[in-house]
């Protein structure tokens, strides 16, 4: 499986153009393997973001959301039942790792 992921990343890197900025994109996925879809960002987007949201008391469920952003603000918010962590980066496909943002403990 890791060979597949490396091949996917290599293929995505090959399609980069001098003017395109790309990030991985997904919405509320429970596994980072489902968050490896590269997308070309809008011209106004300058960051890639990864947000991990954990919900629940004892048996927490975590959701990963990734995408392009014009303005990205890193944060760690703990509201008891819901914890959210957001990480930002600004290079081509830099939001590869879903563990980059781990909810606060």
Protein backbone atom coordinates (compact mmCIF):
# COMPACT_ATOMS: atom_id res chain seq x y z
CA UNK A 1 0.00 0.00 0.00
CA UNK A 2 2.84 2.43 0.76
CA UNK A 3 4.21 1.82 -2.75
CA UNK A 4 0.87 2.88 -4.16
CA UNK A 5 0.88 6.07 -2.07
CA UNK A 6 4.41 6.93 -3.19
CA UNK A 7 3.40 6.34 -6.82
CA UNK A 8 0.37 8.57 -6.38
CA UNK A 9 2.48 11.33 -4.86
CA UNK A 10 5.11 11.00 -7.61
CA UNK A 11 2.42 11.21 -10.31
CA UNK A 12 0.91 14.29 -8.69
CA UNK A 13 4.30 15.96 -8.50
CA UNK A 14 4.86 15.32 -12.20
CA UNK A 15 1.72 17.21 -13.21
CA UNK A 16 2.68 20.36 -11.34
CA UNK A 17 2.96 23.40 -13.55
CA UNK A 18 4.87 26.55 -12.77
CA UNK A 19 1.66 28.47 -12.12
CA UNK A 20 -0.42 25.89 -10.26
CA UNK A 21 -0.70 25.48 -6.52
CA UNK A 22 -2.18 22.18 -5.41
CA UNK A 23 -3.34 20.61 -2.16
CA UNK A 24 -4.90 17.33 -1.16
CA UNK A 25 -8.65 17.58 -0.60
CA UNK A 26 -11.26 15.59 1.33
CA UNK A 27 -14.20 16.24 3.64
CA UNK A 28 -14.80 14.52 7.00
CA UNK A 29 -12.98 11.28 6.22
CA UNK A 30 -12.11 8.82 8.99
CA UNK A 31 -8.89 7.63 7.31
CA UNK A 32 -6.13 9.62 5.64
CA UNK A 33 -6.08 7.10 2.76
CA UNK A 34 -9.31 8.73 1.57
CA UNK A 35 -7.70 12.18 1.67
CA UNK A 36 -5.14 11.80 -1.11
CA UNK A 37 -7.04 13.47 -3.94
CA UNK A 38 -4.89 16.29 -5.33
CA UNK A 39 -6.73 19.38 -6.57
CA UNK A 40 -5.49 22.55 -8.26
CA UNK A 41 -6.32 25.49 -6.01
CA UNK A 42 -7.85 28.78 -7.07
CA UNK A 43 -5.39 31.57 -7.92
CA UNK A 44 -6.32 33.36 -4.69
CA UNK A 45 -5.49 30.32 -2.51
CA UNK A 46 -2.11 30.47 -0.82
CA UNK A 47 -2.30 27.67 1.74
CA UNK A 48 -3.18 24.03 2.14
CA UNK A 49 -4.99 23.15 5.34
CA UNK A 50 -5.66 20.02 7.32
CA UNK A 51 -8.28 19.93 10.06
CA UNK A 52 -8.78 16.99 12.39
CA UNK A 53 -11.95 17.00 14.45
CA UNK A 54 -12.55 14.47 17.22
CA UNK A 55 -15.99 13.92 18.67
CA UNK A 56 -17.24 11.87 21.59
CA UNK A 57 -16.40 11.22 25.21
CA UNK A 58 -14.67 7.84 25.59
CA UNK A 59 -14.63 6.27 22.12
CA UNK A 60 -13.63 9.27 20.02
CA UNK A 61 -14.30 9.40 16.30
CA UNK A 62 -11.87 11.55 14.29
CA UNK A 63 -12.65 13.23 10.98
CA UNK A 64 -10.04 14.63 8.59
CA UNK A 65 -10.80 17.54 6.25
CA UNK A 66 -8.21 18.89 3.80
CA UNK A 67 -8.19 21.51 1.11
CA UNK A 68 -7.04 24.85 -0.30
CA UNK A 69 -7.42 28.08 1.63
CA UNK A 70 -6.98 31.81 1.03
CA UNK A 71 -6.44 32.46 4.72
CA UNK A 72 -5.47 29.64 7.01
CA UNK A 73 -5.17 30.00 10.76
CA UNK A 74 -3.61 27.25 12.85
CA UNK A 75 -5.63 26.47 15.93
CA UNK A 76 -6.24 23.89 18.62
CA UNK A 77 -9.68 24.09 20.21
CA UNK A 78 -10.90 21.82 22.97
CA UNK A 79 -14.60 22.14 23.74
CA UNK A 80 -14.78 18.97 25.84
CA UNK A 81 -16.86 16.69 23.62
CA UNK A 82 -15.43 18.18 20.39
CA UNK A 83 -11.74 18.86 19.79
CA UNK A 84 -10.46 20.52 16.61
CA UNK A 85 -6.92 21.09 15.35
CA UNK A 86 -6.02 22.92 12.13
CA UNK A 87 -2.58 23.03 10.51
CA UNK A 88 -1.55 25.18 7.53
CA UNK A 89 1.26 24.89 4.99
CA UNK A 90 2.10 26.69 1.75
CA UNK A 91 3.99 24.38 -0.59
CA UNK A 92 2.81 22.05 -3.35
CA UNK A 93 0.76 19.15 -1.88
CA UNK A 94 2.16 19.85 1.58
CA UNK A 95 -0.91 18.52 3.43
CA UNK A 96 -0.15 14.88 2.66
CA UNK A 97 0.04 13.62 6.24
CA UNK A 98 -3.27 13.36 8.07
CA UNK A 99 -1.45 13.15 11.40
CA UNK A 100 0.02 16.62 10.89
CA UNK A 101 -2.96 17.90 12.80
CA UNK A 102 -3.76 15.91 15.87
CA UNK A 103 -6.48 17.05 18.23
CA UNK A 104 -5.35 18.39 21.59
CA UNK A 105 -5.43 15.92 24.46
